Amino acid sequence: MKREFERAKKAVESLFWDTCYVEIFSEEGTDWGETLHQKGEGDYFPCRLTEKAVASGENGLLAEMEKVVILLYPAEKEIKAGSAIRVKKENGEERSYFAAGDSQIFLTHKAVGLRRRDAV
């Protein structure tokens, strides 16, 4: 059973052609009770950026289109809601996003919705 799981996990991760950089922030409490957020070392790992165009409504004669962007990444990695993420696509194109919420956990990988950094 464990062998089949490892095979399935490896098959999913073989589709991770892109590279992610996730900025990591740490919280540090001060003596006067304030919480400071410090930017720390980031983490690079393989991932897969997926995009799907969906019609979000109609504006007169034209339908408005919206992209749903989801990032698939290894199960042992962690991306917290609101994290800044840079994705380098397989073709060399680089994009900046924010994690739009908590990650969805699957047996072989995790997935998180993204929002374009320049659109926020």
PDB file of N, CA and C in Angstrom:
ATOM      1  N   MET A   1       0.829  -1.195   0.000  1.00  0.00           N
ATOM      2  CA  MET A   1       0.000   0.000   0.000  1.00  0.00           C
ATOM      3  C   MET A   1       0.874   1.260   0.000  1.00  0.00           C
ATOM      4  N   LYS A   2       1.898   1.275   0.831  1.00  0.00           N
ATOM      5  CA  LYS A   2       2.770   2.440   0.896  1.00  0.00           C
ATOM      6  C   LYS A   2       3.513   2.644  -0.424  1.00  0.00           C
ATOM      7  N   ARG A   3       3.858   1.549  -1.064  1.00  0.00           N
ATOM      8  CA  ARG A   3       4.561   1.614  -2.341  1.00  0.00           C
ATOM      9  C   ARG A   3       3.698   2.284  -3.410  1.00  0.00           C
ATOM     10  N   GLU A   4       2.399   1.945  -3.449  1.00  0.00           N
ATOM     11  CA  GLU A   4       1.485   2.550  -4.416  1.00  0.00           C
ATOM     12  C   GLU A   4       1.300   4.045  -4.141  1.00  0.00           C
ATOM     13  N   PHE A   5       1.229   4.393  -2.852  1.00  0.00           N
ATOM     14  CA  PHE A   5       1.102   5.807  -2.488  1.00  0.00           C
ATOM     15  C   PHE A   5       2.321   6.593  -2.960  1.00  0.00           C
ATOM     16  N   GLU A   6       3.511   6.057  -2.716  1.00  0.00           N
ATOM     17  CA  GLU A   6       4.740   6.737  -3.143  1.00  0.00           C
ATOM     18  C   GLU A   6       4.776   6.887  -4.662  1.00  0.00           C
ATOM     19  N   ARG A   7       4.309   5.863  -5.370  1.00  0.00           N
ATOM     20  CA  ARG A   7       4.260   5.921  -6.826  1.00  0.00           C
ATOM     21  C   ARG A   7       3.282   7.005  -7.303  1.00  0.00           C
ATOM     22  N   ALA A   8       2.117   7.077  -6.665  1.00  0.00           N
ATOM     23  CA  ALA A   8       1.121   8.093  -7.017  1.00  0.00           C
ATOM     24  C   ALA A   8       1.648   9.492  -6.723  1.00  0.00           C
ATOM     25  N   LYS A   9       2.296   9.665  -5.580  1.00  0.00           N
ATOM     26  CA  LYS A   9       2.864  10.967  -5.205  1.00  0.00           C
ATOM     27  C   LYS A   9       3.936  11.395  -6.210  1.00  0.00           C
ATOM     28  N   LYS A  10       4.787  10.467  -6.588  1.00  0.00           N
ATOM     29  CA  LYS A  10       5.843  10.752  -7.557  1.00  0.00           C
ATOM     30  C   LYS A  10       5.244  11.116  -8.919  1.00  0.00           C
ATOM     31  N   ALA A  11       4.143  10.457  -9.307  1.00  0.00           N
ATOM     32  CA  ALA A  11       3.482  10.755 -10.580  1.00  0.00           C
ATOM     33  C   ALA A  11       2.911  12.170 -10.584  1.00  0.00           C
ATOM     34  N   VAL A  12       2.286  12.572  -9.476  1.00  0.00           N
ATOM     35  CA  VAL A  12       1.737  13.931  -9.374  1.00  0.00           C
ATOM     36  C   VAL A  12       2.870  14.952  -9.411  1.00  0.00           C
ATOM     37  N   GLU A  13       3.927  14.718  -8.650  1.00  0.00           N
ATOM     38  CA  GLU A  13       5.032  15.673  -8.584  1.00  0.00           C
ATOM     39  C   GLU A  13       5.827  15.750  -9.887  1.00  0.00           C
ATOM     40  N   SER A  14       5.714  14.741 -10.739  1.00  0.00           N
ATOM     41  CA  SER A  14       6.398  14.796 -12.034  1.00  0.00           C
ATOM     42  C   SER A  14       5.774  15.855 -12.942  1.00  0.00           C
ATOM     43  N   LEU A  15       4.560  16.315 -12.604  1.00  0.00           N
ATOM     44  CA  LEU A  15       3.881  17.365 -13.367  1.00  0.00           C
ATOM     45  C   LEU A  15       4.223  18.767 -12.875  1.00  0.00           C
ATOM     46  N   PHE A  16       5.020  18.885 -11.811  1.00  0.00           N
ATOM     47  CA  PHE A  16       5.403  20.189 -11.262  1.00  0.00           C
ATOM     48  C   PHE A  16       6.582  20.733 -12.066  1.00  0.00           C
ATOM     49  N   TRP A  17       6.277  21.436 -13.162  1.00  0.00           N
ATOM     50  CA  TRP A  17       7.288  21.948 -14.068  1.00  0.00           C
ATOM     51  C   TRP A  17       7.719  23.363 -13.726  1.00  0.00           C
ATOM     52  N   ASP A  18       6.981  24.057 -12.882  1.00  0.00           N
ATOM     53  CA  ASP A  18       7.299  25.438 -12.529  1.00  0.00           C
ATOM     54  C   ASP A  18       8.079  25.460 -11.214  1.00  0.00           C
ATOM     55  N   THR A  19       8.621  26.627 -10.865  1.00  0.00           N
ATOM     56  CA  THR A  19       9.351  26.791  -9.615  1.00  0.00           C
ATOM     57  C   THR A  19       8.734  27.933  -8.819  1.00  0.00           C
ATOM     58  N   CYS A  20       8.514  27.709  -7.518  1.00  0.00           N
ATOM     59  CA  CYS A  20       7.915  28.718  -6.646  1.00  0.00           C
ATOM     60  C   CYS A  20       8.944  29.251  -5.665  1.00  0.00           C
ATOM     61  N   TYR A  21       8.773  30.506  -5.323  1.00  0.00           N
ATOM     62  CA  TYR A  21       9.520  31.102  -4.222  1.00  0.00           C
ATOM     63  C   TYR A  21       8.475  31.698  -3.287  1.00  0.00           C
ATOM     64  N   VAL A  22       8.425  31.210  -2.060  1.00  0.00           N
ATOM     65  CA  VAL A  22       7.463  31.691  -1.073  1.00  0.00           C
ATOM     66  C   VAL A  22       8.213  32.490  -0.019  1.00  0.00           C
ATOM     67  N   GLU A  23       7.825  33.758   0.160  1.00  0.00           N
ATOM     68  CA  GLU A  23       8.438  34.591   1.196  1.00  0.00           C
ATOM     69  C   GLU A  23       7.914  34.162   2.554  1.00  0.00           C
ATOM     70  N   ILE A  24       8.813  33.983   3.487  1.00  0.00           N
ATOM     71  CA  ILE A  24       8.450  33.526   4.826  1.00  0.00           C
ATOM     72  C   ILE A  24       8.568  34.685   5.805  1.00  0.00           C
ATOM     73  N   PHE A  25       7.529  34.865   6.603  1.00  0.00           N
ATOM     74  CA  PHE A  25       7.515  35.905   7.620  1.00  0.00           C
ATOM     75  C   PHE A  25       7.429  35.252   8.985  1.00  0.00           C
ATOM     76  N   SER A  26       8.079  35.856   9.960  1.00  0.00           N
ATOM     77  CA  SER A  26       7.989  35.329  11.326  1.00  0.00           C
ATOM     78  C   SER A  26       7.404  36.413  12.226  1.00  0.00           C
ATOM     79  N   GLU A  27       6.731  35.977  13.271  1.00  0.00           N
ATOM     80  CA  GLU A  27       6.158  36.902  14.243  1.00  0.00           C
ATOM     81  C   GLU A  27       7.041  36.933  15.478  1.00  0.00           C
ATOM     82  N   GLU A  28       7.299  38.127  15.946  1.00  0.00           N
ATOM     83  CA  GLU A  28       8.135  38.294  17.127  1.00  0.00           C
ATOM     84  C   GLU A  28       7.442  39.252  18.086  1.00  0.00           C
ATOM     85  N   GLY A  29       7.253  38.827  19.311  1.00  0.00           N
ATOM     86  CA  GLY A  29       6.616  39.677  20.316  1.00  0.00           C
ATOM     87  C   GLY A  29       7.621  40.604  20.974  1.00  0.00           C
ATOM     88  N   THR A  30       7.186  41.825  21.275  1.00  0.00           N
ATOM     89  CA  THR A  30       8.050  42.782  21.960  1.00  0.00           C
ATOM     90  C   THR A  30       7.719  42.794  23.444  1.00  0.00           C
ATOM     91  N   ASP A  31       8.556  43.481  24.222  1.00  0.00           N
ATOM     92  CA  ASP A  31       8.345  43.580  25.668  1.00  0.00           C
ATOM     93  C   ASP A  31       7.069  44.351  26.003  1.00  0.00           C
ATOM     94  N   TRP A  32       6.631  45.234  25.117  1.00  0.00           N
ATOM     95  CA  TRP A  32       5.450  46.050  25.384  1.00  0.00           C
ATOM     96  C   TRP A  32       4.179  45.463  24.760  1.00  0.00           C
ATOM     97  N   GLY A  33       4.240  44.192  24.273  1.00  0.00           N
ATOM     98  CA  GLY A  33       3.044  43.487  23.824  1.00  0.00           C
ATOM     99  C   GLY A  33       2.707  43.619  22.355  1.00  0.00           C
ATOM    100  N   GLU A  34       3.546  44.271  21.599  1.00  0.00           N
ATOM    101  CA  GLU A  34       3.303  44.436  20.173  1.00  0.00           C
ATOM    102  C   GLU A  34       3.882  43.232  19.418  1.00  0.00           C
ATOM    103  N   THR A  35       3.258  42.858  18.316  1.00  0.00           N
ATOM    104  CA  THR A  35       3.756  41.765  17.487  1.00  0.00           C
ATOM    105  C   THR A  35       4.375  42.342  16.223  1.00  0.00           C
ATOM    106  N   LEU A  36       5.641  42.031  16.000  1.00  0.00           N
ATOM    107  CA  LEU A  36       6.350  42.486  14.814  1.00  0.00           C
ATOM    108  C   LEU A  36       6.439  41.340  13.813  1.00  0.00           C
ATOM    109  N   HIS A  37       6.294  41.669  12.546  1.00  0.00           N
ATOM    110  CA  HIS A  37       6.407  40.672  11.480  1.00  0.00           C
ATOM    111  C   HIS A  37       7.720  40.917  10.754  1.00  0.00           C
ATOM    112  N   GLN A  38       8.613  39.938  10.825  1.00  0.00           N
ATOM    113  CA  GLN A  38       9.930  40.046  10.210  1.00  0.00           C
ATOM    114  C   GLN A  38       9.982  39.189   8.949  1.00  0.00           C
ATOM    115  N   LYS A  39      10.574  39.728   7.901  1.00  0.00           N
ATOM    116  CA  LYS A  39      10.746  38.969   6.670  1.00  0.00           C
ATOM    117  C   LYS A  39      11.979  38.084   6.828  1.00  0.00           C
ATOM    118  N   GLY A  40      11.819  36.802   6.558  1.00  0.00           N
ATOM    119  CA  GLY A  40      12.923  35.859   6.711  1.00  0.00           C
ATOM    120  C   GLY A  40      13.326  35.260   5.377  1.00  0.00           C
ATOM    121  N   GLU A  41      14.130  34.210   5.457  1.00  0.00           N
ATOM    122  CA  GLU A  41      14.552  33.496   4.263  1.00  0.00           C
ATOM    123  C   GLU A  41      13.354  32.823   3.608  1.00  0.00           C
ATOM    124  N   GLY A  42      13.295  32.856   2.317  1.00  0.00           N
ATOM    125  CA  GLY A  42      12.212  32.215   1.584  1.00  0.00           C
ATOM    126  C   GLY A  42      12.534  30.767   1.276  1.00  0.00           C
ATOM    127  N   ASP A  43      11.614  30.120   0.597  1.00  0.00           N
ATOM    128  CA  ASP A  43      11.753  28.713   0.268  1.00  0.00           C
ATOM    129  C   ASP A  43      11.441  28.503  -1.208  1.00  0.00           C
ATOM    130  N   TYR A  44      12.325  27.814  -1.936  1.00  0.00           N
ATOM    131  CA  TYR A  44      12.116  27.450  -3.335  1.00  0.00           C
ATOM    132  C   TYR A  44      11.680  25.997  -3.405  1.00  0.00           C
ATOM    133  N   PHE A  45      10.708  25.695  -4.258  1.00  0.00           N
ATOM    134  CA  PHE A  45      10.318  24.303  -4.484  1.00  0.00           C
ATOM    135  C   PHE A  45       9.544  24.193  -5.787  1.00  0.00           C
ATOM    136  N   PRO A  46       9.469  22.972  -6.358  1.00  0.00           N
ATOM    137  CA  PRO A  46       8.733  22.777  -7.597  1.00  0.00           C
ATOM    138  C   PRO A  46       7.227  22.901  -7.370  1.00  0.00           C
ATOM    139  N   CYS A  47       6.513  23.351  -8.399  1.00  0.00           N
ATOM    140  CA  CYS A  47       5.070  23.539  -8.280  1.00  0.00           C
ATOM    141  C   CYS A  47       4.446  23.479  -9.665  1.00  0.00           C
ATOM    142  N   ARG A  48       3.144  23.639  -9.710  1.00  0.00           N
ATOM    143  CA  ARG A  48       2.410  23.684 -10.979  1.00  0.00           C
ATOM    144  C   ARG A  48       1.360  24.775 -10.882  1.00  0.00           C
ATOM    145  N   LEU A  49       1.449  25.773 -11.750  1.00  0.00           N
ATOM    146  CA  LEU A  49       0.493  26.868 -11.796  1.00  0.00           C
ATOM    147  C   LEU A  49      -0.583  26.522 -12.823  1.00  0.00           C
ATOM    148  N   THR A  50      -1.842  26.507 -12.375  1.00  0.00           N
ATOM    149  CA  THR A  50      -2.947  26.216 -13.287  1.00  0.00           C
ATOM    150  C   THR A  50      -3.853  27.438 -13.366  1.00  0.00           C
ATOM    151  N   GLU A  51      -4.353  27.711 -14.552  1.00  0.00           N
ATOM    152  CA  GLU A  51      -5.248  28.845 -14.767  1.00  0.00           C
ATOM    153  C   GLU A  51      -6.461  28.376 -15.559  1.00  0.00           C
ATOM    154  N   LYS A  52      -7.607  28.920 -15.187  1.00  0.00           N
ATOM    155  CA  LYS A  52      -8.846  28.584 -15.883  1.00  0.00           C
ATOM    156  C   LYS A  52      -9.661  29.866 -16.017  1.00  0.00           C
ATOM    157  N   ALA A  53     -10.086  30.163 -17.219  1.00  0.00           N
ATOM    158  CA  ALA A  53     -10.924  31.342 -17.457  1.00  0.00           C
ATOM    159  C   ALA A  53     -12.385  30.961 -17.255  1.00  0.00           C
ATOM    160  N   VAL A  54     -13.092  31.762 -16.474  1.00  0.00           N
ATOM    161  CA  VAL A  54     -14.514  31.527 -16.237  1.00  0.00           C
ATOM    162  C   VAL A  54     -15.276  32.829 -16.485  1.00  0.00           C
ATOM    163  N   ALA A  55     -16.500  32.710 -16.988  1.00  0.00           N
ATOM    164  CA  ALA A  55     -17.346  33.886 -17.187  1.00  0.00           C
ATOM    165  C   ALA A  55     -17.903  34.297 -15.834  1.00  0.00           C
ATOM    166  N   SER A  56     -17.682  35.563 -15.464  1.00  0.00           N
ATOM    167  CA  SER A  56     -18.135  36.026 -14.151  1.00  0.00           C
ATOM    168  C   SER A  56     -19.423  36.824 -14.215  1.00  0.00           C
ATOM    169  N   GLY A  57     -19.885  37.158 -15.382  1.00  0.00           N
ATOM    170  CA  GLY A  57     -21.121  37.929 -15.507  1.00  0.00           C
ATOM    171  C   GLY A  57     -21.199  38.592 -16.858  1.00  0.00           C
ATOM    172  N   GLU A  58     -22.270  39.285 -17.090  1.00  0.00           N
ATOM    173  CA  GLU A  58     -22.425  39.974 -18.366  1.00  0.00           C
ATOM    174  C   GLU A  58     -22.519  41.468 -18.130  1.00  0.00           C
ATOM    175  N   ASN A  59     -21.810  42.198 -18.963  1.00  0.00           N
ATOM    176  CA  ASN A  59     -21.809  43.646 -18.909  1.00  0.00           C
ATOM    177  C   ASN A  59     -22.276  44.124 -20.279  1.00  0.00           C
ATOM    178  N   GLY A  60     -23.560  44.355 -20.436  1.00  0.00           N
ATOM    179  CA  GLY A  60     -24.103  44.720 -21.742  1.00  0.00           C
ATOM    180  C   GLY A  60     -24.062  43.520 -22.662  1.00  0.00           C
ATOM    181  N   LEU A  61     -23.403  43.662 -23.800  1.00  0.00           N
ATOM    182  CA  LEU A  61     -23.311  42.571 -24.765  1.00  0.00           C
ATOM    183  C   LEU A  61     -22.104  41.667 -24.529  1.00  0.00           C
ATOM    184  N   LEU A  62     -21.155  42.119 -23.755  1.00  0.00           N
ATOM    185  CA  LEU A  62     -19.925  41.364 -23.554  1.00  0.00           C
ATOM    186  C   LEU A  62     -19.946  40.619 -22.219  1.00  0.00           C
ATOM    187  N   ALA A  63     -19.501  39.397 -22.240  1.00  0.00           N
ATOM    188  CA  ALA A  63     -19.361  38.637 -20.995  1.00  0.00           C
ATOM    189  C   ALA A  63     -18.014  38.986 -20.364  1.00  0.00           C
ATOM    190  N   GLU A  64     -18.005  39.194 -19.060  1.00  0.00           N
ATOM    191  CA  GLU A  64     -16.753  39.487 -18.358  1.00  0.00           C
ATOM    192  C   GLU A  64     -16.080  38.167 -18.006  1.00  0.00           C
ATOM    193  N   MET A  65     -14.791  38.089 -18.279  1.00  0.00           N
ATOM    194  CA  MET A  65     -14.037  36.875 -17.985  1.00  0.00           C
ATOM    195  C   MET A  65     -13.134  37.113 -16.778  1.00  0.00           C
ATOM    196  N   GLU A  66     -12.974  36.075 -16.006  1.00  0.00           N
ATOM    197  CA  GLU A  66     -12.136  36.133 -14.816  1.00  0.00           C
ATOM    198  C   GLU A  66     -11.279  34.875 -14.795  1.00  0.00           C
ATOM    199  N   LYS A  67     -10.028  34.993 -14.376  1.00  0.00           N
ATOM    200  CA  LYS A  67      -9.149  33.828 -14.298  1.00  0.00           C
ATOM    201  C   LYS A  67      -9.118  33.298 -12.876  1.00  0.00           C
ATOM    202  N   VAL A  68      -9.260  32.001 -12.755  1.00  0.00           N
ATOM    203  CA  VAL A  68      -9.085  31.331 -11.476  1.00  0.00           C
ATOM    204  C   VAL A  68      -7.699  30.699 -11.523  1.00  0.00           C
ATOM    205  N   VAL A  69      -6.825  31.081 -10.575  1.00  0.00           N
ATOM    206  CA  VAL A  69      -5.450  30.601 -10.565  1.00  0.00           C
ATOM    207  C   VAL A  69      -5.249  29.745  -9.329  1.00  0.00           C
ATOM    208  N   ILE A  70      -4.770  28.520  -9.540  1.00  0.00           N
ATOM    209  CA  ILE A  70      -4.519  27.592  -8.441  1.00  0.00           C
ATOM    210  C   ILE A  70      -3.092  27.083  -8.554  1.00  0.00           C
ATOM    211  N   LEU A  71      -2.425  27.012  -7.426  1.00  0.00           N
ATOM    212  CA  LEU A  71      -1.060  26.516  -7.359  1.00  0.00           C
ATOM    213  C   LEU A  71      -1.063  25.144  -6.695  1.00  0.00           C
ATOM    214  N   LEU A  72      -0.496  24.158  -7.379  1.00  0.00           N
ATOM    215  CA  LEU A  72      -0.323  22.820  -6.822  1.00  0.00           C
ATOM    216  C   LEU A  72       1.124  22.699  -6.376  1.00  0.00           C
ATOM    217  N   TYR A  73       1.351  22.127  -5.179  1.00  0.00           N
ATOM    218  CA  TYR A  73       2.715  22.037  -4.667  1.00  0.00           C
ATOM    219  C   TYR A  73       2.861  20.820  -3.749  1.00  0.00           C
ATOM    220  N   PRO A  74       4.110  20.428  -3.417  1.00  0.00           N
ATOM    221  CA  PRO A  74       4.341  19.214  -2.624  1.00  0.00           C
ATOM    222  C   PRO A  74       3.652  19.249  -1.257  1.00  0.00           C
ATOM    223  N   ALA A  75       3.193  18.080  -0.818  1.00  0.00           N
ATOM    224  CA  ALA A  75       2.439  17.961   0.434  1.00  0.00           C
ATOM    225  C   ALA A  75       3.261  18.341   1.658  1.00  0.00           C
ATOM    226  N   GLU A  76       4.565  18.170   1.607  1.00  0.00           N
ATOM    227  CA  GLU A  76       5.387  18.465   2.783  1.00  0.00           C
ATOM    228  C   GLU A  76       5.746  19.948   2.925  1.00  0.00           C
ATOM    229  N   LYS A  77       5.401  20.770   1.948  1.00  0.00           N
ATOM    230  CA  LYS A  77       5.643  22.218   2.001  1.00  0.00           C
ATOM    231  C   LYS A  77       4.432  22.921   2.599  1.00  0.00           C
ATOM    232  N   GLU A  78       4.639  24.166   3.042  1.00  0.00           N
ATOM    233  CA  GLU A  78       3.573  24.941   3.688  1.00  0.00           C
ATOM    234  C   GLU A  78       3.493  26.329   3.057  1.00  0.00           C
ATOM    235  N   ILE A  79       2.294  26.739   2.682  1.00  0.00           N
ATOM    236  CA  ILE A  79       2.044  28.104   2.219  1.00  0.00           C
ATOM    237  C   ILE A  79       0.886  28.639   3.046  1.00  0.00           C
ATOM    238  N   LYS A  80       1.138  29.676   3.820  1.00  0.00           N
ATOM    239  CA  LYS A  80       0.102  30.264   4.664  1.00  0.00           C
ATOM    240  C   LYS A  80      -0.708  31.294   3.876  1.00  0.00           C
ATOM    241  N   ALA A  81      -1.941  31.504   4.283  1.00  0.00           N
ATOM    242  CA  ALA A  81      -2.803  32.490   3.642  1.00  0.00           C
ATOM    243  C   ALA A  81      -2.138  33.863   3.687  1.00  0.00           C
ATOM    244  N   GLY A  82      -2.161  34.574   2.567  1.00  0.00           N
ATOM    245  CA  GLY A  82      -1.568  35.900   2.484  1.00  0.00           C
ATOM    246  C   GLY A  82      -0.095  35.915   2.136  1.00  0.00           C
ATOM    247  N   SER A  83       0.520  34.747   2.001  1.00  0.00           N
ATOM    248  CA  SER A  83       1.946  34.686   1.663  1.00  0.00           C
ATOM    249  C   SER A  83       2.193  35.242   0.270  1.00  0.00           C
ATOM    250  N   ALA A  84       3.323  35.933   0.113  1.00  0.00           N
ATOM    251  CA  ALA A  84       3.732  36.423  -1.198  1.00  0.00           C
ATOM    252  C   ALA A  84       4.447  35.282  -1.925  1.00  0.00           C
ATOM    253  N   ILE A  85       4.062  35.054  -3.185  1.00  0.00           N
ATOM    254  CA  ILE A  85       4.589  33.929  -3.951  1.00  0.00           C
ATOM    255  C   ILE A  85       5.022  34.424  -5.326  1.00  0.00           C
ATOM    256  N   ARG A  86       6.221  34.036  -5.727  1.00  0.00           N
ATOM    257  CA  ARG A  86       6.690  34.279  -7.093  1.00  0.00           C
ATOM    258  C   ARG A  86       6.783  32.934  -7.786  1.00  0.00           C
ATOM    259  N   VAL A  87       6.228  32.849  -8.983  1.00  0.00           N
ATOM    260  CA  VAL A  87       6.248  31.603  -9.747  1.00  0.00           C
ATOM    261  C   VAL A  87       7.029  31.842 -11.033  1.00  0.00           C
ATOM    262  N   LYS A  88       8.043  31.012 -11.249  1.00  0.00           N
ATOM    263  CA  LYS A  88       8.788  31.050 -12.502  1.00  0.00           C
ATOM    264  C   LYS A  88       8.268  29.898 -13.348  1.00  0.00           C
ATOM    265  N   LYS A  89       7.587  30.254 -14.436  1.00  0.00           N
ATOM    266  CA  LYS A  89       6.981  29.268 -15.323  1.00  0.00           C
ATOM    267  C   LYS A  89       8.061  28.506 -16.081  1.00  0.00           C
ATOM    268  N   GLU A  90       7.662  27.392 -16.625  1.00  0.00           N
ATOM    269  CA  GLU A  90       8.548  26.529 -17.390  1.00  0.00           C
ATOM    270  C   GLU A  90       9.194  27.288 -18.560  1.00  0.00           C
ATOM    271  N   ASN A  91       8.469  28.257 -19.141  1.00  0.00           N
ATOM    272  CA  ASN A  91       8.981  29.031 -20.274  1.00  0.00           C
ATOM    273  C   ASN A  91       9.834  30.232 -19.851  1.00  0.00           C
ATOM    274  N   GLY A  92      10.082  30.399 -18.533  1.00  0.00           N
ATOM    275  CA  GLY A  92      10.920  31.484 -18.037  1.00  0.00           C
ATOM    276  C   GLY A  92      10.158  32.710 -17.556  1.00  0.00           C
ATOM    277  N   GLU A  93       8.871  32.795 -17.846  1.00  0.00           N
ATOM    278  CA  GLU A  93       8.046  33.919 -17.412  1.00  0.00           C
ATOM    279  C   GLU A  93       7.887  33.881 -15.889  1.00  0.00           C
ATOM    280  N   GLU A  94       7.996  35.043 -15.255  1.00  0.00           N
ATOM    281  CA  GLU A  94       7.856  35.112 -13.800  1.00  0.00           C
ATOM    282  C   GLU A  94       6.632  35.944 -13.434  1.00  0.00           C
ATOM    283  N   ARG A  95       5.837  35.436 -12.472  1.00  0.00           N
ATOM    284  CA  ARG A  95       4.622  36.112 -12.031  1.00  0.00           C
ATOM    285  C   ARG A  95       4.606  36.217 -10.516  1.00  0.00           C
ATOM    286  N   SER A  96       3.945  37.253 -10.003  1.00  0.00           N
ATOM    287  CA  SER A  96       3.846  37.466  -8.555  1.00  0.00           C
ATOM    288  C   SER A  96       2.393  37.349  -8.104  1.00  0.00           C
ATOM    289  N   TYR A  97       2.192  36.642  -6.989  1.00  0.00           N
ATOM    290  CA  TYR A  97       0.856  36.385  -6.457  1.00  0.00           C
ATOM    291  C   TYR A  97       0.849  36.503  -4.935  1.00  0.00           C
ATOM    292  N   PHE A  98      -0.363  36.491  -4.389  1.00  0.00           N
ATOM    293  CA  PHE A  98      -0.603  36.298  -2.957  1.00  0.00           C
ATOM    294  C   PHE A  98      -1.458  35.053  -2.808  1.00  0.00           C
ATOM    295  N   ALA A  99      -1.209  34.281  -1.759  1.00  0.00           N
ATOM    296  CA  ALA A  99      -2.080  33.138  -1.463  1.00  0.00           C
ATOM    297  C   ALA A  99      -3.409  33.700  -0.994  1.00  0.00           C
ATOM    298  N   ALA A 100      -4.496  33.327  -1.665  1.00  0.00           N
ATOM    299  CA  ALA A 100      -5.807  33.913  -1.403  1.00  0.00           C
ATOM    300  C   ALA A 100      -6.540  33.278  -0.236  1.00  0.00           C
ATOM    301  N   GLY A 101      -5.991  32.248   0.352  1.00  0.00           N
ATOM    302  CA  GLY A 101      -6.656  31.574   1.464  1.00  0.00           C
ATOM    303  C   GLY A 101      -5.824  30.410   1.956  1.00  0.00           C
ATOM    304  N   ASP A 102      -6.459  29.541   2.719  1.00  0.00           N
ATOM    305  CA  ASP A 102      -5.765  28.367   3.229  1.00  0.00           C
ATOM    306  C   ASP A 102      -5.629  27.317   2.135  1.00  0.00           C
ATOM    307  N   SER A 103      -4.614  26.495   2.268  1.00  0.00           N
ATOM    308  CA  SER A 103      -4.361  25.431   1.299  1.00  0.00           C
ATOM    309  C   SER A 103      -5.337  24.282   1.481  1.00  0.00           C
ATOM    310  N   GLN A 104      -5.688  23.672   0.374  1.00  0.00           N
ATOM    311  CA  GLN A 104      -6.482  22.442   0.371  1.00  0.00           C
ATOM    312  C   GLN A 104      -5.494  21.284   0.395  1.00  0.00           C
ATOM    313  N   ILE A 105      -5.694  20.336   1.292  1.00  0.00           N
ATOM    314  CA  ILE A 105      -4.745  19.243   1.462  1.00  0.00           C
ATOM    315  C   ILE A 105      -5.295  17.972   0.813  1.00  0.00           C
ATOM    316  N   PHE A 106      -4.487  17.387  -0.067  1.00  0.00           N
ATOM    317  CA  PHE A 106      -4.789  16.110  -0.695  1.00  0.00           C
ATOM    318  C   PHE A 106      -3.739  15.104  -0.232  1.00  0.00           C
ATOM    319  N   LEU A 107      -3.934  13.841  -0.515  1.00  0.00           N
ATOM    320  CA  LEU A 107      -2.966  12.829  -0.081  1.00  0.00           C
ATOM    321  C   LEU A 107      -1.595  13.022  -0.722  1.00  0.00           C
ATOM    322  N   THR A 108      -1.571  13.380  -1.997  1.00  0.00           N
ATOM    323  CA  THR A 108      -0.309  13.452  -2.720  1.00  0.00           C
ATOM    324  C   THR A 108       0.266  14.857  -2.884  1.00  0.00           C
ATOM    325  N   HIS A 109      -0.532  15.887  -2.622  1.00  0.00           N
ATOM    326  CA  HIS A 109      -0.073  17.265  -2.815  1.00  0.00           C
ATOM    327  C   HIS A 109      -1.019  18.227  -2.089  1.00  0.00           C
ATOM    328  N   LYS A 110      -0.703  19.519  -2.175  1.00  0.00           N
ATOM    329  CA  LYS A 110      -1.573  20.577  -1.652  1.00  0.00           C
ATOM    330  C   LYS A 110      -1.897  21.542  -2.784  1.00  0.00           C
ATOM    331  N   ALA A 111      -2.969  22.317  -2.612  1.00  0.00           N
ATOM    332  CA  ALA A 111      -3.376  23.309  -3.604  1.00  0.00           C
ATOM    333  C   ALA A 111      -3.842  24.566  -2.882  1.00  0.00           C
ATOM    334  N   VAL A 112      -3.527  25.726  -3.458  1.00  0.00           N
ATOM    335  CA  VAL A 112      -3.958  27.000  -2.886  1.00  0.00           C
ATOM    336  C   VAL A 112      -4.366  27.934  -4.017  1.00  0.00           C
ATOM    337  N   GLY A 113      -5.435  28.690  -3.796  1.00  0.00           N
ATOM    338  CA  GLY A 113      -5.861  29.702  -4.754  1.00  0.00           C
ATOM    339  C   GLY A 113      -4.955  30.915  -4.664  1.00  0.00           C
ATOM    340  N   LEU A 114      -4.713  31.549  -5.798  1.00  0.00           N
ATOM    341  CA  LEU A 114      -3.822  32.713  -5.844  1.00  0.00           C
ATOM    342  C   LEU A 114      -4.540  33.926  -6.380  1.00  0.00           C
ATOM    343  N   ARG A 115      -4.036  35.091  -6.002  1.00  0.00           N
ATOM    344  CA  ARG A 115      -4.518  36.380  -6.518  1.00  0.00           C
ATOM    345  C   ARG A 115      -3.288  37.141  -7.014  1.00  0.00           C
ATOM    346  N   ARG A 116      -3.389  37.720  -8.216  1.00  0.00           N
ATOM    347  CA  ARG A 116      -2.247  38.448  -8.787  1.00  0.00           C
ATOM    348  C   ARG A 116      -1.825  39.564  -7.852  1.00  0.00           C
ATOM    349  N   ARG A 117      -0.553  39.705  -7.662  1.00  0.00           N
ATOM    350  CA  ARG A 117      -0.025  40.718  -6.757  1.00  0.00           C
ATOM    351  C   ARG A 117      -0.316  42.121  -7.259  1.00  0.00           C
ATOM    352  N   ASP A 118      -0.196  42.362  -8.559  1.00  0.00           N
ATOM    353  CA  ASP A 118      -0.435  43.707  -9.094  1.00  0.00           C
ATOM    354  C   ASP A 118      -1.906  44.064  -9.145  1.00  0.00           C
ATOM    355  N   ALA A 119      -2.817  43.088  -8.962  1.00  0.00           N
ATOM    356  CA  ALA A 119      -4.253  43.356  -9.000  1.00  0.00           C
ATOM    357  C   ALA A 119      -4.815  43.684  -7.625  1.00  0.00           C
ATOM    358  N   VAL A 120      -4.014  43.543  -6.575  1.00  0.00           N
ATOM    359  CA  VAL A 120      -4.502  43.773  -5.201  1.00  0.00           C
ATOM    360  C   VAL A 120      -4.334  45.214  -4.820  1.00  0.00           C
TER     361      VAL A 120
END
